Amino acid sequence: MRASALGPCAAFAYVLGCGSAPLLAADPASSTGTSSATARGTGSTAGAPGDVTFAPQPAESLTPNEARWVAHCGKPDRALFAVARDLAAVRAAGGAMPPSEEITRRVRAAGAPYVWPAAVGLSGTATEADIVERLRTLRAQVEKDGEARCGFGLVDKPPANGFAASQVLVAIAVANVGTFEKLPLHAAPGQWLTATAHFPAGLRSGSAYLLGPSGTPRSVQTTLSSRKDTLTVRFAPEADGEYELQMLGDLGSGPRPLFEALVVAGKGNAPVSATSASAQTFSDDEAGVLTRINELRAKYKTKPLTLDAALSQVAVAHANDMTSAKKLAHDVGKGTPDQRVKRAGISLRVVGENVSYAKGVIAAHEGIERSPSHRANVLRAEFTKVGIGFVREADGMVYLAEVFGG
């Protein structure tokens, strides 16, 4: 998300923001039956020694097949292997591939702070060539954003009930941008914690948000080293429940999430605040996104936004530019959000932007709502209007831009 006075940026969703959210992987076409997702999730705590979050996590041991194939999807990562193996076992037992947010939560709970995990599931009489193709596709999807790291589970199903032998594969890949030092997964309410991450490429800026089980996201204390390669965050969970720490930085194309860590305070129980609960069905277009935005703002007693035609033109133009560049970013060659707004002749005191990529317009916005920094943009009281633009690709994947002003 990016927010400025016409000032610093906040976050992203396979979501980006100067406001933004998480990314869903495209469904790969396959005659054997495949499904895919990109995630934020719930679940298993396997793979995090000492109940800590850290990255990267070198794999401790691999089966012969895993060792042979892992190079096709990136460097092996222990936490990703733990989650993928669990999901492959579930699928082999007849279960379905979970939605993206469930996969993401499982990755968080396994102690891995990576953003935008992309996942693919394959089942059927898959050949080795099928498996290699899926792993290479997954790697290509993430490595444009950083070092590809992955894990996968492969289960052989013997013949049974008249069905031939088959295989089930679940693979998860991420783009790693640095090193995240060990942070406890569990803490006491009020306990001060320090999260530290190192970035070889250096950052232009850094910030962090904390989203708890209630209330709105809040920015937390950060320190960027003099060499701009180490970002340190200090925070304390206030009460029992789950908290999500989101670390943000600008690697060259605008602010984006770098790492996201789960911290369970006290007894836990209440989950991290997510999307606003509603029985309403939203149209998969600008009107649906505006309704979602104002429903969430109403929940937190913030005045609704009006849809602004001029800002929507800026948003549509940026969605088109991201589609052409095949890149989710606040700047894909035509300037930052505030520069693009000024160039359009629009005079504003504050400007913000969320960008996202997912299968469907509402799915892209839901990713924004789940991202602490992007959610903060949506709820920011200084904003009075919004422009919404998107491009829907042939496979249903959507580049979404939301430009806020006040």
Protein backbone atom coordinates (compact mmCIF):
# COMPACT_ATOMS: atom_id res chain seq x y z
CA MET A 1 0.00 0.00 0.00
CA ARG A 2 1.24 3.45 -0.58
CA ALA A 3 0.12 6.46 1.35
CA SER A 4 1.60 9.86 1.20
CA ALA A 5 0.99 13.32 2.46
CA LEU A 6 1.86 13.67 -0.72
CA GLY A 7 4.41 11.05 1.90
CA PRO A 8 5.51 7.44 2.86
CA CYS A 9 4.01 4.24 1.75
CA ALA A 10 2.43 1.44 3.58
CA ALA A 11 1.76 -1.99 1.91
CA PHE A 12 0.63 -4.60 -0.74
CA ALA A 13 -1.47 -7.79 -1.69
CA TYR A 14 -0.12 -10.03 -4.21
CA VAL A 15 -1.30 -7.12 -2.59
CA LEU A 16 0.85 -4.05 -2.79
CA GLY A 17 0.12 -0.95 -0.95
CA CYS A 18 0.99 2.16 -0.74
CA GLY A 19 -1.73 -0.25 0.15
CA SER A 20 -1.95 -3.89 -0.97
CA ALA A 21 -2.67 -7.65 -0.42
CA PRO A 22 -1.61 -11.35 -1.06
CA LEU A 23 -1.42 -13.08 -4.43
CA LEU A 24 -3.18 -16.17 -5.72
CA ALA A 25 -1.40 -18.47 -8.11
CA ALA A 26 -3.10 -19.09 -11.42
CA ASP A 27 -4.83 -22.42 -11.88
CA PRO A 28 -2.61 -24.47 -14.18
CA ALA A 29 -4.36 -26.34 -16.97
CA SER A 30 -3.96 -30.10 -16.69
CA SER A 31 -5.66 -33.20 -17.98
CA THR A 32 -4.79 -34.95 -14.71
CA GLY A 33 -6.82 -32.55 -12.61
CA THR A 34 -5.03 -29.66 -10.90
CA SER A 35 -5.83 -26.79 -8.60
CA SER A 36 -3.75 -23.93 -7.34
CA ALA A 37 -3.77 -21.01 -4.98
CA THR A 38 -1.56 -18.38 -3.41
CA ALA A 39 -1.93 -18.08 0.29
CA ARG A 40 -2.14 -16.71 3.76
CA GLY A 41 -3.12 -19.43 6.14
CA THR A 42 -4.07 -21.52 9.27
CA GLY A 43 -2.86 -24.81 10.44
CA SER A 44 0.08 -27.00 11.21
CA THR A 45 2.90 -25.93 13.49
CA ALA A 46 5.36 -28.44 12.07
CA GLY A 47 8.77 -27.31 10.96
CA ALA A 48 9.49 -24.52 13.47
CA PRO A 49 12.07 -25.75 16.00
CA GLY A 50 11.61 -24.10 19.38
CA ASP A 51 8.33 -22.53 18.33
CA VAL A 52 9.95 -19.74 16.38
CA THR A 53 9.49 -18.01 13.05
CA PHE A 54 12.55 -17.56 10.86
CA ALA A 55 13.67 -17.62 7.23
CA PRO A 56 15.08 -19.20 5.29
CA GLN A 57 14.70 -22.66 6.81
CA PRO A 58 17.09 -25.18 5.20
CA ALA A 59 15.52 -28.59 4.69
CA GLU A 60 16.87 -31.19 7.13
CA SER A 61 16.25 -34.30 5.06
CA LEU A 62 14.64 -35.13 1.74
CA THR A 63 13.45 -38.35 0.17
CA PRO A 64 15.30 -39.42 -3.00
CA ASN A 65 12.46 -38.12 -5.19
CA GLU A 66 12.35 -34.82 -3.32
CA ALA A 67 16.10 -34.34 -3.65
CA ARG A 68 15.89 -35.14 -7.36
CA TRP A 69 13.05 -32.76 -8.13
CA VAL A 70 13.47 -29.85 -5.71
CA ALA A 71 15.86 -27.97 -8.01
CA HIS A 72 12.97 -27.47 -10.43
CA CYS A 73 11.07 -25.25 -7.96
CA GLY A 74 13.82 -23.55 -5.97
CA LYS A 75 15.94 -24.05 -2.87
CA PRO A 76 14.35 -26.46 -0.36
CA ASP A 77 12.74 -24.92 2.71
CA ARG A 78 11.86 -26.98 5.79
CA ALA A 79 8.64 -25.20 6.74
CA LEU A 80 7.31 -25.30 3.18
CA PHE A 81 8.03 -29.02 2.94
CA ALA A 82 6.21 -29.62 6.23
CA VAL A 83 3.08 -27.82 5.06
CA ALA A 84 3.13 -29.33 1.55
CA ARG A 85 3.55 -32.88 2.91
CA ASP A 86 0.59 -32.37 5.27
CA LEU A 87 -1.59 -31.09 2.42
CA ALA A 88 -0.53 -33.91 0.09
CA ALA A 89 -1.56 -36.46 2.74
CA VAL A 90 -4.94 -34.72 3.08
CA ARG A 91 -5.48 -34.81 -0.68
CA ALA A 92 -4.40 -38.45 -0.91
CA ALA A 93 -7.05 -39.26 1.71
CA GLY A 94 -9.72 -37.63 -0.45
CA GLY A 95 -9.56 -34.06 0.83
CA ALA A 96 -9.61 -30.94 -1.33
CA MET A 97 -6.92 -28.36 -1.91
CA PRO A 98 -7.63 -25.63 0.68
CA PRO A 99 -8.23 -21.99 -0.25
CA SER A 100 -5.29 -19.63 -0.48
CA GLU A 101 -5.83 -18.00 2.90
CA GLU A 102 -5.76 -21.43 4.59
CA ILE A 103 -2.46 -22.30 2.91
CA THR A 104 -0.97 -18.97 3.94
CA ARG A 105 -2.04 -19.47 7.51
CA ARG A 106 -0.47 -22.93 7.57
CA VAL A 107 2.78 -21.43 6.31
CA ARG A 108 2.66 -18.76 9.05
CA ALA A 109 1.88 -21.33 11.74
CA ALA A 110 4.79 -23.47 10.54
CA GLY A 111 7.10 -20.59 11.41
CA ALA A 112 7.73 -19.30 7.88
CA PRO A 113 7.32 -15.52 7.41
CA TYR A 114 7.24 -15.51 3.61
CA VAL A 115 4.65 -13.41 1.79
CA TRP A 116 2.50 -14.53 -1.15
CA PRO A 117 3.02 -18.29 -1.03
CA ALA A 118 1.97 -19.81 -4.34
CA ALA A 119 0.70 -23.39 -4.32
CA VAL A 120 -0.30 -26.02 -6.84
CA GLY A 121 -1.96 -29.39 -6.42
CA LEU A 122 -1.83 -32.20 -8.96
CA SER A 123 -3.49 -35.60 -8.77
CA GLY A 124 -4.00 -38.45 -11.19
CA THR A 125 -1.69 -40.60 -13.23
CA ALA A 126 0.97 -37.92 -13.29
CA THR A 127 4.20 -38.65 -15.10
CA GLU A 128 7.59 -37.36 -14.04
CA ALA A 129 7.35 -34.83 -16.87
CA ASP A 130 4.00 -33.58 -15.45
CA ILE A 131 5.56 -33.08 -12.03
CA VAL A 132 8.62 -31.31 -13.36
CA GLU A 133 6.42 -29.01 -15.46
CA ARG A 134 4.30 -28.04 -12.44
CA LEU A 135 7.37 -27.35 -10.31
CA ARG A 136 9.02 -25.25 -13.01
CA THR A 137 5.81 -23.26 -13.55
CA LEU A 138 5.57 -22.58 -9.84
CA ARG A 139 9.18 -21.44 -9.70
CA ALA A 140 8.71 -19.07 -12.63
CA GLN A 141 5.71 -17.57 -10.85
CA VAL A 142 7.67 -16.50 -7.76
CA GLU A 143 11.31 -16.01 -8.68
CA LYS A 144 10.74 -12.69 -10.43
CA ASP A 145 10.18 -11.26 -6.91
CA GLY A 146 13.16 -12.87 -5.14
CA GLU A 147 15.01 -16.11 -4.50
CA ALA A 148 12.71 -19.08 -5.16
CA ARG A 149 12.32 -21.40 -2.18
CA CYS A 150 9.92 -24.32 -2.15
CA GLY A 151 8.62 -27.46 -0.56
CA PHE A 152 6.41 -30.24 -1.84
CA GLY A 153 4.70 -33.42 -0.81
CA LEU A 154 4.37 -36.39 -3.16
CA VAL A 155 2.16 -39.35 -2.20
CA ASP A 156 1.91 -42.58 -4.21
CA LYS A 157 -1.58 -44.06 -4.08
CA PRO A 158 -1.65 -47.83 -4.72
CA PRO A 159 -4.37 -49.41 -6.88
CA ALA A 160 -7.64 -49.72 -4.99
CA ASN A 161 -11.36 -50.25 -5.70
CA GLY A 162 -10.75 -50.64 -9.41
CA PHE A 163 -8.67 -47.46 -9.72
CA ALA A 164 -5.14 -47.54 -11.10
CA ALA A 165 -2.14 -46.43 -9.08
CA SER A 166 -1.75 -42.67 -9.04
CA GLN A 167 0.19 -39.85 -7.44
CA VAL A 168 -0.77 -36.75 -5.49
CA LEU A 169 1.52 -33.72 -5.51
CA VAL A 170 1.22 -30.49 -3.53
CA ALA A 171 3.96 -27.90 -4.02
CA ILE A 172 4.38 -24.51 -2.35
CA ALA A 173 6.83 -21.85 -3.53
CA VAL A 174 7.74 -18.39 -2.29
CA ALA A 175 10.05 -15.55 -3.22
CA ASN A 176 12.50 -14.93 -0.40
CA VAL A 177 14.04 -11.46 -0.22
CA GLY A 178 16.30 -11.73 2.83
CA THR A 179 16.94 -13.31 6.21
CA PHE A 180 14.40 -13.13 9.04
CA GLU A 181 15.94 -13.75 12.45
CA LYS A 182 14.20 -16.03 14.95
CA LEU A 183 11.04 -14.57 16.51
CA PRO A 184 8.90 -16.45 19.08
CA LEU A 185 5.61 -17.82 17.79
CA HIS A 186 4.19 -17.49 21.32
CA ALA A 187 4.46 -14.58 23.74
CA ALA A 188 2.81 -13.16 26.83
CA PRO A 189 0.44 -10.19 26.46
CA GLY A 190 2.44 -7.02 26.96
CA GLN A 191 5.77 -8.75 26.25
CA TRP A 192 8.07 -6.67 24.07
CA LEU A 193 9.42 -8.52 21.05
CA THR A 194 12.04 -7.62 18.47
CA ALA A 195 11.87 -8.77 14.85
CA THR A 196 14.99 -8.27 12.74
CA ALA A 197 15.46 -8.91 9.03
CA HIS A 198 18.42 -8.43 6.71
CA PHE A 199 18.15 -7.51 3.02
CA PRO A 200 21.26 -7.93 0.84
CA ALA A 201 19.91 -5.60 -1.83
CA GLY A 202 19.15 -2.84 0.69
CA LEU A 203 15.92 -0.90 1.18
CA ARG A 204 14.94 2.60 0.16
CA SER A 205 12.58 2.73 3.15
CA GLY A 206 11.08 0.41 5.76
CA SER A 207 8.00 0.24 8.00
CA ALA A 208 5.84 -2.29 9.84
CA TYR A 209 2.21 -2.87 10.83
CA LEU A 210 0.66 -5.03 13.53
CA LEU A 211 -2.87 -6.43 13.16
CA GLY A 212 -4.42 -8.03 16.21
CA PRO A 213 -7.63 -9.96 16.94
CA SER A 214 -9.61 -6.72 17.23
CA GLY A 215 -9.30 -3.11 16.18
CA THR A 216 -7.52 -1.62 13.21
CA PRO A 217 -3.94 -2.21 12.06
CA ARG A 218 -1.38 0.04 13.72
CA SER A 219 2.09 1.07 12.65
CA VAL A 220 4.85 -0.05 15.00
CA GLN A 221 8.35 1.16 15.83
CA THR A 222 10.97 0.41 13.14
CA THR A 223 14.66 1.17 12.71
CA LEU A 224 16.46 0.97 9.38
CA SER A 225 20.23 0.55 9.69
CA SER A 226 22.59 3.21 8.32
CA ARG A 227 23.47 0.85 5.44
CA LYS A 228 19.73 0.32 4.88
CA ASP A 229 20.17 -3.46 4.82
CA THR A 230 18.73 -4.31 8.26
CA LEU A 231 15.20 -3.53 9.44
CA THR A 232 14.39 -3.91 13.15
CA VAL A 233 10.85 -3.82 14.53
CA ARG A 234 9.79 -3.50 18.19
CA PHE A 235 6.24 -4.37 19.23
CA ALA A 236 4.14 -5.90 22.00
CA PRO A 237 0.81 -7.76 21.69
CA GLU A 238 -1.69 -6.12 24.02
CA ALA A 239 -3.94 -9.04 24.97
CA ASP A 240 -4.66 -12.72 24.38
CA GLY A 241 -5.12 -13.59 20.73
CA GLU A 242 -3.32 -13.86 17.42
CA TYR A 243 -1.29 -11.03 15.93
CA GLU A 244 0.17 -10.60 12.46
CA LEU A 245 3.32 -8.55 12.06
CA GLN A 246 3.88 -7.26 8.54
CA MET A 247 7.31 -5.88 7.64
CA LEU A 248 7.37 -3.57 4.60
CA GLY A 249 10.05 -1.99 2.47
CA ASP A 250 10.86 -0.47 -0.89
CA LEU A 251 13.23 -2.62 -2.94
CA GLY A 252 13.03 -0.31 -5.94
CA SER A 253 9.49 -0.35 -7.34
CA GLY A 254 7.54 0.98 -4.37
CA PRO A 255 6.70 -0.35 -0.89
CA ARG A 256 5.77 -4.02 -0.64
CA PRO A 257 5.39 -6.65 2.10
CA LEU A 258 8.73 -8.33 2.80
CA PHE A 259 7.91 -10.68 5.68
CA GLU A 260 4.79 -11.51 7.70
CA ALA A 261 4.98 -13.34 11.03
CA LEU A 262 2.32 -14.83 13.29
CA VAL A 263 2.56 -14.29 17.06
CA VAL A 264 0.10 -15.99 19.43
CA ALA A 265 -0.24 -14.05 22.70
CA GLY A 266 -1.33 -15.69 25.95
CA LYS A 267 -4.03 -18.28 25.42
CA GLY A 268 -4.49 -17.29 21.80
CA ASN A 269 -8.09 -18.02 20.85
CA ALA A 270 -9.22 -14.96 18.88
CA PRO A 271 -7.77 -15.10 15.33
CA VAL A 272 -6.16 -12.19 13.54
CA SER A 273 -8.79 -9.76 12.28
CA ALA A 274 -9.57 -10.69 8.70
CA THR A 275 -12.14 -9.63 6.15
CA SER A 276 -15.41 -8.18 7.37
CA ALA A 277 -18.00 -10.86 7.98
CA SER A 278 -21.00 -10.45 5.70
CA ALA A 279 -23.67 -12.65 4.23
CA GLN A 280 -23.91 -10.24 1.29
CA THR A 281 -22.89 -11.34 -2.20
CA PHE A 282 -20.70 -8.72 -3.87
CA SER A 283 -20.60 -8.04 -7.60
CA ASP A 284 -17.17 -8.86 -9.02
CA ASP A 285 -16.50 -5.32 -10.19
CA GLU A 286 -15.88 -1.73 -9.04
CA ALA A 287 -19.27 -1.51 -7.33
CA GLY A 288 -18.61 -4.66 -5.34
CA VAL A 289 -15.20 -3.39 -4.19
CA LEU A 290 -16.67 -0.02 -3.16
CA THR A 291 -19.38 -1.80 -1.16
CA ARG A 292 -16.75 -3.95 0.58
CA ILE A 293 -14.63 -0.90 1.39
CA ASN A 294 -17.50 1.05 2.88
CA GLU A 295 -18.83 -1.96 4.80
CA LEU A 296 -15.44 -2.33 6.49
CA ARG A 297 -15.19 1.41 7.18
CA ALA A 298 -18.67 1.38 8.71
CA LYS A 299 -17.62 -1.47 11.02
CA TYR A 300 -14.92 0.81 12.42
CA LYS A 301 -17.12 3.93 12.40
CA THR A 302 -15.20 5.62 9.60
CA LYS A 303 -17.03 7.73 7.02
CA PRO A 304 -17.72 6.04 3.65
CA LEU A 305 -15.70 6.80 0.54
CA THR A 306 -17.22 8.09 -2.67
CA LEU A 307 -16.21 6.64 -6.03
CA ASP A 308 -14.30 9.33 -7.94
CA ALA A 309 -14.28 9.17 -11.75
CA ALA A 310 -10.94 10.98 -12.17
CA LEU A 311 -9.18 8.73 -9.63
CA SER A 312 -10.76 5.70 -11.30
CA GLN A 313 -9.13 6.73 -14.59
CA VAL A 314 -5.77 6.79 -12.78
CA ALA A 315 -6.51 3.37 -11.27
CA VAL A 316 -7.56 1.83 -14.60
CA ALA A 317 -4.44 3.20 -16.29
CA HIS A 318 -2.21 1.67 -13.62
CA ALA A 319 -4.03 -1.67 -13.78
CA ASN A 320 -3.40 -1.69 -17.53
CA ASP A 321 0.27 -0.81 -17.01
CA MET A 322 0.73 -3.63 -14.45
CA THR A 323 -0.93 -6.06 -16.85
CA SER A 324 1.36 -5.02 -19.71
CA ALA A 325 4.43 -5.29 -17.49
CA LYS A 326 3.20 -8.52 -15.85
CA LYS A 327 4.28 -6.96 -12.57
CA LEU A 328 2.49 -5.99 -9.36
CA ALA A 329 4.04 -2.72 -8.19
CA HIS A 330 3.25 0.91 -7.42
CA ASP A 331 5.68 2.08 -10.07
CA VAL A 332 6.02 0.10 -13.31
CA GLY A 333 7.69 2.91 -15.20
CA LYS A 334 5.12 5.70 -15.09
CA GLY A 335 5.73 7.08 -11.61
CA THR A 336 4.56 6.67 -8.03
CA PRO A 337 0.86 7.00 -7.13
CA ASP A 338 1.16 10.65 -6.07
CA GLN A 339 3.10 11.48 -9.25
CA ARG A 340 0.47 9.81 -11.42
CA VAL A 341 -2.34 11.61 -9.58
CA LYS A 342 -0.65 15.00 -10.00
CA ARG A 343 0.00 14.31 -13.69
CA ALA A 344 -3.74 13.68 -14.12
CA GLY A 345 -4.38 17.20 -12.81
CA ILE A 346 -5.97 16.05 -9.56
CA SER A 347 -5.21 18.17 -6.47
CA LEU A 348 -5.25 16.22 -3.19
CA ARG A 349 -3.77 16.61 0.29
CA VAL A 350 -3.16 12.88 0.78
CA VAL A 351 -2.85 10.04 -1.72
CA GLY A 352 -2.75 6.27 -1.18
CA GLU A 353 -2.79 3.18 -3.35
CA ASN A 354 -3.46 -0.53 -2.93
CA VAL A 355 -2.69 -2.96 -5.74
CA SER A 356 -3.46 -6.65 -5.84
CA TYR A 357 -3.48 -9.69 -8.12
CA ALA A 358 -5.83 -12.64 -7.66
CA LYS A 359 -8.46 -14.74 -9.41
CA GLY A 360 -11.34 -12.30 -9.46
CA VAL A 361 -11.87 -8.68 -8.46
CA ILE A 362 -13.41 -9.37 -5.05
CA ALA A 363 -10.76 -12.00 -4.32
CA ALA A 364 -8.08 -9.39 -5.05
CA HIS A 365 -9.75 -6.94 -2.68
CA GLU A 366 -10.14 -9.60 0.01
CA GLY A 367 -6.38 -10.04 -0.11
CA ILE A 368 -6.07 -6.32 0.52
CA GLU A 369 -8.33 -6.52 3.56
CA ARG A 370 -6.22 -9.33 5.02
CA SER A 371 -2.97 -7.39 4.65
CA PRO A 372 -2.36 -5.16 7.70
CA SER A 373 -0.86 -2.22 5.81
CA HIS A 374 -3.38 -2.36 2.99
CA ARG A 375 -6.25 -2.68 5.42
CA ALA A 376 -4.90 0.46 7.13
CA ASN A 377 -5.19 2.29 3.80
CA VAL A 378 -8.79 1.15 3.38
CA LEU A 379 -9.64 2.43 6.89
CA ARG A 380 -7.65 5.66 6.84
CA ALA A 381 -9.93 8.48 8.02
CA GLU A 382 -8.17 11.18 5.94
CA PHE A 383 -9.32 9.51 2.74
CA THR A 384 -12.69 10.69 1.41
CA LYS A 385 -12.72 9.26 -2.12
CA VAL A 386 -11.39 6.30 -4.07
CA GLY A 387 -10.78 5.33 -7.67
CA ILE A 388 -11.05 1.66 -8.61
CA GLY A 389 -9.67 0.03 -11.74
CA PHE A 390 -8.93 -3.51 -12.82
CA VAL A 391 -7.95 -5.67 -15.77
CA ARG A 392 -9.30 -9.20 -16.02
CA GLU A 393 -7.01 -11.54 -17.96
CA ALA A 394 -8.21 -14.44 -20.10
CA ASP A 395 -7.61 -16.97 -17.29
CA GLY A 396 -9.67 -14.93 -14.81
CA MET A 397 -6.69 -13.47 -12.96
CA VAL A 398 -7.15 -9.79 -12.12
CA TYR A 399 -4.80 -6.84 -11.62
CA LEU A 400 -6.62 -4.46 -9.26
CA ALA A 401 -5.68 -0.88 -8.35
CA GLU A 402 -7.38 1.22 -5.69
CA VAL A 403 -6.29 4.87 -5.56
CA PHE A 404 -7.36 6.82 -2.45
CA GLY A 405 -7.48 10.58 -1.92
CA GLY A 406 -8.46 13.20 0.56
